[in-house]
Amino acid sequence: MHAFLLTLALLAGDGLTEKEFDTLHAELQPPADAPWRTIPWKISLLEAQAASAREGKPIFIWAMDGHPLGCT
């Protein structure tokens, strides 16, 4: 709830203090033990291809077009 109130203050144009920003930033971080954080993601497609061939595993590609927060 605290993050929600800080976000509303920011959207209202009241701004955030550095302490409020630090609090909001900390609250919005995903847990360190989130399952997706345990996956050894590859940024390079060539690196992923090499690992795929070496390990005999498929490649999962996440691709998108447009702004990540809006519908395009």
C-alpha atoms as a PDB file:
ATOM      1  CA  MET A   1       0.000   0.000   0.000  1.00  0.00           C
ATOM      2  CA  HIS A   2       2.895   2.325   0.756  1.00  0.00           C
ATOM      3  CA  ALA A   3       4.188   1.987  -2.831  1.00  0.00           C
ATOM      4  CA  PHE A   4       0.720   2.854  -4.137  1.00  0.00           C
ATOM      5  CA  LEU A   5       0.548   6.055  -2.103  1.00  0.00           C
ATOM      6  CA  LEU A   6       4.038   7.115  -3.179  1.00  0.00           C
ATOM      7  CA  THR A   7       3.128   6.457  -6.799  1.00  0.00           C
ATOM      8  CA  LEU A   8      -0.003   8.585  -6.448  1.00  0.00           C
ATOM      9  CA  ALA A   9       2.062  11.425  -4.977  1.00  0.00           C
ATOM     10  CA  LEU A  10       4.460  11.197  -7.893  1.00  0.00           C
ATOM     11  CA  LEU A  11       1.652  11.200 -10.460  1.00  0.00           C
ATOM     12  CA  ALA A  12       0.026  14.170  -8.752  1.00  0.00           C
ATOM     13  CA  GLY A  13       3.171  16.157  -9.438  1.00  0.00           C
ATOM     14  CA  ASP A  14       4.175  16.484  -5.788  1.00  0.00           C
ATOM     15  CA  GLY A  15       7.468  14.714  -6.547  1.00  0.00           C
ATOM     16  CA  LEU A  16       9.322  12.369  -4.271  1.00  0.00           C
ATOM     17  CA  THR A  17      12.058  12.938  -1.777  1.00  0.00           C
ATOM     18  CA  GLU A  18      15.190  10.853  -2.172  1.00  0.00           C
ATOM     19  CA  LYS A  19      14.154   8.763   0.835  1.00  0.00           C
ATOM     20  CA  GLU A  20      10.673   8.164  -0.617  1.00  0.00           C
ATOM     21  CA  PHE A  21      12.216   7.163  -3.942  1.00  0.00           C
ATOM     22  CA  ASP A  22      14.571   4.716  -2.221  1.00  0.00           C
ATOM     23  CA  THR A  23      11.640   3.216  -0.308  1.00  0.00           C
ATOM     24  CA  LEU A  24       9.498   2.895  -3.432  1.00  0.00           C
ATOM     25  CA  HIS A  25      12.364   1.434  -5.441  1.00  0.00           C
ATOM     26  CA  ALA A  26      13.064  -1.181  -2.756  1.00  0.00           C
ATOM     27  CA  GLU A  27       9.381  -2.161  -2.527  1.00  0.00           C
ATOM     28  CA  LEU A  28       9.080  -2.641  -6.292  1.00  0.00           C
ATOM     29  CA  GLN A  29      12.039  -5.008  -6.636  1.00  0.00           C
ATOM     30  CA  PRO A  30      11.157  -8.648  -7.325  1.00  0.00           C
ATOM     31  CA  PRO A  31      12.253 -11.166  -4.704  1.00  0.00           C
ATOM     32  CA  ALA A  32      15.809 -12.432  -5.121  1.00  0.00           C
ATOM     33  CA  ASP A  33      14.513 -16.018  -5.152  1.00  0.00           C
ATOM     34  CA  ALA A  34      11.940 -15.425  -7.926  1.00  0.00           C
ATOM     35  CA  PRO A  35      12.012 -18.494 -10.220  1.00  0.00           C
ATOM     36  CA  TRP A  36      12.789 -16.502 -13.377  1.00  0.00           C
ATOM     37  CA  ARG A  37      15.951 -15.166 -11.739  1.00  0.00           C
ATOM     38  CA  THR A  38      17.392 -18.707 -11.567  1.00  0.00           C
ATOM     39  CA  ILE A  39      17.323 -19.142 -15.360  1.00  0.00           C
ATOM     40  CA  PRO A  40      20.698 -18.496 -17.024  1.00  0.00           C
ATOM     41  CA  TRP A  41      19.281 -16.045 -19.611  1.00  0.00           C
ATOM     42  CA  LYS A  42      21.394 -15.253 -22.667  1.00  0.00           C
ATOM     43  CA  ILE A  43      21.376 -11.797 -24.225  1.00  0.00           C
ATOM     44  CA  SER A  44      23.314 -12.797 -27.324  1.00  0.00           C
ATOM     45  CA  LEU A  45      21.454 -14.952 -29.851  1.00  0.00           C
ATOM     46  CA  LEU A  46      24.757 -16.435 -31.056  1.00  0.00           C
ATOM     47  CA  GLU A  47      25.664 -17.397 -27.495  1.00  0.00           C
ATOM     48  CA  ALA A  48      22.210 -18.956 -27.064  1.00  0.00           C
ATOM     49  CA  GLN A  49      22.588 -20.911 -30.327  1.00  0.00           C
ATOM     50  CA  ALA A  50      25.943 -22.286 -29.225  1.00  0.00           C
ATOM     51  CA  ALA A  51      24.565 -23.303 -25.811  1.00  0.00           C
ATOM     52  CA  SER A  52      21.498 -24.831 -27.476  1.00  0.00           C
ATOM     53  CA  ALA A  53      23.605 -26.941 -29.818  1.00  0.00           C
ATOM     54  CA  ARG A  54      26.003 -27.936 -27.035  1.00  0.00           C
ATOM     55  CA  GLU A  55      23.253 -28.928 -24.568  1.00  0.00           C
ATOM     56  CA  GLY A  56      20.658 -30.213 -27.039  1.00  0.00           C
ATOM     57  CA  LYS A  57      18.028 -27.807 -25.717  1.00  0.00           C
ATOM     58  CA  PRO A  58      15.627 -25.496 -27.572  1.00  0.00           C
ATOM     59  CA  ILE A  59      15.901 -21.697 -27.619  1.00  0.00           C
ATOM     60  CA  PHE A  60      13.127 -19.555 -26.160  1.00  0.00           C
ATOM     61  CA  ILE A  61      13.012 -16.099 -27.746  1.00  0.00           C
ATOM     62  CA  TRP A  62      10.997 -13.271 -26.229  1.00  0.00           C
ATOM     63  CA  ALA A  63      10.529 -10.530 -28.797  1.00  0.00           C
ATOM     64  CA  MET A  64       8.166  -7.587 -28.836  1.00  0.00           C
ATOM     65  CA  ASP A  65       7.446  -4.484 -30.801  1.00  0.00           C
ATOM     66  CA  GLY A  66       6.378  -1.191 -29.330  1.00  0.00           C
ATOM     67  CA  HIS A  67       6.463   0.359 -25.913  1.00  0.00           C
ATOM     68  CA  PRO A  68       6.553  -2.201 -23.059  1.00  0.00           C
ATOM     69  CA  LEU A  69       3.919  -0.284 -21.055  1.00  0.00           C
ATOM     70  CA  GLY A  70       1.465   0.409 -23.828  1.00  0.00           C
ATOM     71  CA  CYS A  71      -0.543  -1.338 -26.490  1.00  0.00           C
ATOM     72  CA  THR A  72       0.772  -0.721 -29.980  1.00  0.00           C
END
